[in-house]
Amino acid sequence: MRKFLYFCFLGFYAMSWSQDFKEHQWKNRIIIICTDSFSNPEFQKQKSELNKYPNELKDRKLIVYKVTPDNYRFGLGSTISLRTDKQFFDTFNNEKSQFKIILIGLDGSIKMTWENFIAPTDIFALIDQMPMRKNEIKN
């Protein structure tokens, strides 16, 4: 229960704190990749694997934020929307993990977190089991 409340608080805090995320609510699902450095091998592997599935990302309305302790970037490209912000990393990675992935649903809540590389197909399978996604598939 305590962990659930923490994630709820974190989700609502993050959503209210970042104007970027407000524009995505009810339009996009978000993958946040937190890493100690953009050169982190696990981060590079995750980014590379996600890049192999552009149609699947688009179909599931998934966008990606890449976050380090000093800045964050929107999108999977290396230079898309670099923004300097030291607090953004702490919001999503208060444990200061070297690598962490967070999935945020259309409603703006945190659906899952991972501390290690996760295959994109596993992320897609999780999303495909969500009620809103099932409704999207049906329609």
C-alpha atoms as a PDB file:
ATOM      1  CA  MET A   1       0.000   0.000   0.000  1.00  0.00           C
ATOM      2  CA  ARG A   2       2.820   2.396   0.873  1.00  0.00           C
ATOM      3  CA  LYS A   3       4.518   1.755  -2.473  1.00  0.00           C
ATOM      4  CA  PHE A   4       1.222   2.338  -4.281  1.00  0.00           C
ATOM      5  CA  LEU A   5       0.735   5.690  -2.525  1.00  0.00           C
ATOM      6  CA  TYR A   6       4.303   6.658  -3.347  1.00  0.00           C
ATOM      7  CA  PHE A   7       3.752   5.948  -7.044  1.00  0.00           C
ATOM      8  CA  CYS A   8       0.441   7.826  -7.015  1.00  0.00           C
ATOM      9  CA  PHE A   9       2.080  10.818  -5.381  1.00  0.00           C
ATOM     10  CA  LEU A  10       5.034  10.665  -7.746  1.00  0.00           C
ATOM     11  CA  GLY A  11       2.729  10.422 -10.753  1.00  0.00           C
ATOM     12  CA  PHE A  12       0.566  13.345  -9.722  1.00  0.00           C
ATOM     13  CA  TYR A  13       3.593  15.412  -8.702  1.00  0.00           C
ATOM     14  CA  ALA A  14       5.360  14.723 -11.965  1.00  0.00           C
ATOM     15  CA  MET A  15       2.278  15.488 -14.005  1.00  0.00           C
ATOM     16  CA  SER A  16       1.572  18.752 -12.240  1.00  0.00           C
ATOM     17  CA  TRP A  17       5.233  19.748 -12.202  1.00  0.00           C
ATOM     18  CA  SER A  18       6.003  19.371 -15.873  1.00  0.00           C
ATOM     19  CA  GLN A  19       4.153  21.345 -18.494  1.00  0.00           C
ATOM     20  CA  ASP A  20       5.518  18.925 -21.103  1.00  0.00           C
ATOM     21  CA  PHE A  21       3.597  16.049 -19.588  1.00  0.00           C
ATOM     22  CA  LYS A  22       0.334  17.923 -19.272  1.00  0.00           C
ATOM     23  CA  GLU A  23       0.149  18.253 -23.021  1.00  0.00           C
ATOM     24  CA  HIS A  24       0.476  14.460 -23.375  1.00  0.00           C
ATOM     25  CA  GLN A  25      -2.221  13.402 -20.913  1.00  0.00           C
ATOM     26  CA  TRP A  26      -5.046  11.501 -22.659  1.00  0.00           C
ATOM     27  CA  LYS A  27      -3.090  11.757 -25.935  1.00  0.00           C
ATOM     28  CA  ASN A  28       0.095   9.775 -25.358  1.00  0.00           C
ATOM     29  CA  ARG A  29       1.647   7.113 -23.200  1.00  0.00           C
ATOM     30  CA  ILE A  30       5.122   8.021 -22.016  1.00  0.00           C
ATOM     31  CA  ILE A  31       8.283   6.020 -21.498  1.00  0.00           C
ATOM     32  CA  ILE A  32      10.803   7.821 -19.311  1.00  0.00           C
ATOM     33  CA  ILE A  33      14.310   6.419 -19.447  1.00  0.00           C
ATOM     34  CA  CYS A  34      16.362   7.710 -16.516  1.00  0.00           C
ATOM     35  CA  THR A  35      20.093   7.165 -16.744  1.00  0.00           C
ATOM     36  CA  ASP A  36      23.198   8.488 -15.055  1.00  0.00           C
ATOM     37  CA  SER A  37      24.628   9.301 -18.497  1.00  0.00           C
ATOM     38  CA  PHE A  38      23.501   9.174 -22.105  1.00  0.00           C
ATOM     39  CA  SER A  39      26.580   6.988 -22.712  1.00  0.00           C
ATOM     40  CA  ASN A  40      25.398   4.346 -20.205  1.00  0.00           C
ATOM     41  CA  PRO A  41      25.516   0.966 -22.084  1.00  0.00           C
ATOM     42  CA  GLU A  42      22.136  -0.161 -20.722  1.00  0.00           C
ATOM     43  CA  PHE A  43      20.592   3.142 -21.826  1.00  0.00           C
ATOM     44  CA  GLN A  44      22.158   2.810 -25.279  1.00  0.00           C
ATOM     45  CA  LYS A  45      20.792  -0.733 -25.617  1.00  0.00           C
ATOM     46  CA  GLN A  46      17.294   0.355 -24.531  1.00  0.00           C
ATOM     47  CA  LYS A  47      17.262   3.297 -26.925  1.00  0.00           C
ATOM     48  CA  SER A  48      18.583   1.156 -29.776  1.00  0.00           C
ATOM     49  CA  GLU A  49      15.929  -1.515 -29.234  1.00  0.00           C
ATOM     50  CA  LEU A  50      13.094   1.027 -29.025  1.00  0.00           C
ATOM     51  CA  ASN A  51      14.322   2.577 -32.284  1.00  0.00           C
ATOM     52  CA  LYS A  52      13.634  -0.746 -34.021  1.00  0.00           C
ATOM     53  CA  TYR A  53       9.881  -0.396 -33.410  1.00  0.00           C
ATOM     54  CA  PRO A  54       8.723   2.993 -34.725  1.00  0.00           C
ATOM     55  CA  ASN A  55       5.364   1.673 -35.950  1.00  0.00           C
ATOM     56  CA  GLU A  56       4.623  -0.114 -32.678  1.00  0.00           C
ATOM     57  CA  LEU A  57       5.503   3.020 -30.691  1.00  0.00           C
ATOM     58  CA  LYS A  58       3.249   5.139 -32.878  1.00  0.00           C
ATOM     59  CA  ASP A  59       0.410   2.603 -32.801  1.00  0.00           C
ATOM     60  CA  ARG A  60       0.462   2.597 -28.984  1.00  0.00           C
ATOM     61  CA  LYS A  61       0.796   6.393 -28.812  1.00  0.00           C
ATOM     62  CA  LEU A  62       4.146   6.031 -27.043  1.00  0.00           C
ATOM     63  CA  ILE A  63       6.621   8.852 -26.730  1.00  0.00           C
ATOM     64  CA  VAL A  64      10.011   8.710 -25.045  1.00  0.00           C
ATOM     65  CA  TYR A  65      11.769  11.049 -22.645  1.00  0.00           C
ATOM     66  CA  LYS A  66      15.453  10.412 -21.943  1.00  0.00           C
ATOM     67  CA  VAL A  67      16.519  11.872 -18.606  1.00  0.00           C
ATOM     68  CA  THR A  68      19.940  12.388 -16.990  1.00  0.00           C
ATOM     69  CA  PRO A  69      20.791  14.238 -13.763  1.00  0.00           C
ATOM     70  CA  ASP A  70      21.434  17.447 -15.746  1.00  0.00           C
ATOM     71  CA  ASN A  71      19.021  17.443 -18.677  1.00  0.00           C
ATOM     72  CA  TYR A  72      16.358  15.611 -20.574  1.00  0.00           C
ATOM     73  CA  ARG A  73      15.484  15.012 -24.192  1.00  0.00           C
ATOM     74  CA  PHE A  74      12.197  14.329 -25.874  1.00  0.00           C
ATOM     75  CA  GLY A  75      12.154  11.656 -28.571  1.00  0.00           C
ATOM     76  CA  LEU A  76      14.497   8.861 -29.523  1.00  0.00           C
ATOM     77  CA  GLY A  77      16.827  10.951 -31.683  1.00  0.00           C
ATOM     78  CA  SER A  78      20.069  12.111 -30.127  1.00  0.00           C
ATOM     79  CA  THR A  79      19.456  15.856 -30.386  1.00  0.00           C
ATOM     80  CA  ILE A  80      15.698  16.274 -30.160  1.00  0.00           C
ATOM     81  CA  SER A  81      14.601  18.892 -27.621  1.00  0.00           C
ATOM     82  CA  LEU A  82      17.549  18.993 -25.230  1.00  0.00           C
ATOM     83  CA  ARG A  83      16.441  20.797 -22.088  1.00  0.00           C
ATOM     84  CA  THR A  84      18.534  21.548 -19.048  1.00  0.00           C
ATOM     85  CA  ASP A  85      16.838  20.705 -15.782  1.00  0.00           C
ATOM     86  CA  LYS A  86      18.455  19.215 -12.688  1.00  0.00           C
ATOM     87  CA  GLN A  87      15.184  18.634 -10.809  1.00  0.00           C
ATOM     88  CA  PHE A  88      13.520  16.530 -13.510  1.00  0.00           C
ATOM     89  CA  PHE A  89      15.833  13.547 -12.873  1.00  0.00           C
ATOM     90  CA  ASP A  90      15.196  13.673  -9.111  1.00  0.00           C
ATOM     91  CA  THR A  91      11.447  13.682  -9.679  1.00  0.00           C
ATOM     92  CA  PHE A  92      11.510  10.340 -11.457  1.00  0.00           C
ATOM     93  CA  ASN A  93      14.645   8.762 -10.038  1.00  0.00           C
ATOM     94  CA  ASN A  94      14.852   9.770  -6.407  1.00  0.00           C
ATOM     95  CA  GLU A  95      16.813   6.585  -5.663  1.00  0.00           C
ATOM     96  CA  LYS A  96      19.510   7.856  -8.042  1.00  0.00           C
ATOM     97  CA  SER A  97      19.558   4.578  -9.967  1.00  0.00           C
ATOM     98  CA  GLN A  98      21.993   4.363 -12.852  1.00  0.00           C
ATOM     99  CA  PHE A  99      19.184   3.150 -15.071  1.00  0.00           C
ATOM    100  CA  LYS A 100      15.422   3.133 -14.700  1.00  0.00           C
ATOM    101  CA  ILE A 101      12.428   2.981 -17.034  1.00  0.00           C
ATOM    102  CA  ILE A 102       9.007   4.354 -16.155  1.00  0.00           C
ATOM    103  CA  LEU A 103       5.832   3.754 -18.140  1.00  0.00           C
ATOM    104  CA  ILE A 104       3.127   6.389 -17.762  1.00  0.00           C
ATOM    105  CA  GLY A 105      -0.351   5.682 -19.068  1.00  0.00           C
ATOM    106  CA  LEU A 106      -2.757   7.892 -20.980  1.00  0.00           C
ATOM    107  CA  ASP A 107      -4.328   8.939 -17.675  1.00  0.00           C
ATOM    108  CA  GLY A 108      -0.990  10.279 -16.430  1.00  0.00           C
ATOM    109  CA  SER A 109      -0.386   7.626 -13.787  1.00  0.00           C
ATOM    110  CA  ILE A 110       2.683   5.451 -13.464  1.00  0.00           C
ATOM    111  CA  LYS A 111       1.847   1.988 -14.746  1.00  0.00           C
ATOM    112  CA  MET A 112       5.187   0.215 -14.272  1.00  0.00           C
ATOM    113  CA  THR A 113       8.841   0.805 -13.462  1.00  0.00           C
ATOM    114  CA  TRP A 114      11.853  -1.309 -14.344  1.00  0.00           C
ATOM    115  CA  GLU A 115      15.416  -1.094 -13.019  1.00  0.00           C
ATOM    116  CA  ASN A 116      16.943  -3.022 -15.933  1.00  0.00           C
ATOM    117  CA  PHE A 117      16.668  -3.255 -19.688  1.00  0.00           C
ATOM    118  CA  ILE A 118      13.216  -4.352 -20.792  1.00  0.00           C
ATOM    119  CA  ALA A 119      12.474  -5.692 -24.250  1.00  0.00           C
ATOM    120  CA  PRO A 120      10.163  -3.340 -26.154  1.00  0.00           C
ATOM    121  CA  THR A 121       7.933  -6.292 -26.973  1.00  0.00           C
ATOM    122  CA  ASP A 122       7.409  -6.831 -23.229  1.00  0.00           C
ATOM    123  CA  ILE A 123       6.426  -3.176 -22.834  1.00  0.00           C
ATOM    124  CA  PHE A 124       4.022  -3.498 -25.765  1.00  0.00           C
ATOM    125  CA  ALA A 125       2.504  -6.675 -24.311  1.00  0.00           C
ATOM    126  CA  LEU A 126       1.896  -4.913 -20.992  1.00  0.00           C
ATOM    127  CA  ILE A 127       0.267  -1.949 -22.719  1.00  0.00           C
ATOM    128  CA  ASP A 128      -1.863  -4.240 -24.884  1.00  0.00           C
ATOM    129  CA  GLN A 129      -3.401  -5.720 -21.719  1.00  0.00           C
ATOM    130  CA  MET A 130      -4.523  -2.304 -20.433  1.00  0.00           C
ATOM    131  CA  PRO A 131      -8.253  -1.528 -20.738  1.00  0.00           C
ATOM    132  CA  MET A 132      -7.808   1.676 -22.760  1.00  0.00           C
ATOM    133  CA  ARG A 133      -5.471  -0.073 -25.183  1.00  0.00           C
ATOM    134  CA  LYS A 134      -7.886  -2.985 -25.590  1.00  0.00           C
ATOM    135  CA  ASN A 135     -10.557  -0.423 -26.451  1.00  0.00           C
ATOM    136  CA  GLU A 136      -8.210   1.201 -29.002  1.00  0.00           C
ATOM    137  CA  ILE A 137      -7.578  -2.162 -30.635  1.00  0.00           C
ATOM    138  CA  LYS A 138     -11.284  -2.917 -30.741  1.00  0.00           C
ATOM    139  CA  ASN A 139     -12.089   0.396 -32.408  1.00  0.00           C
END
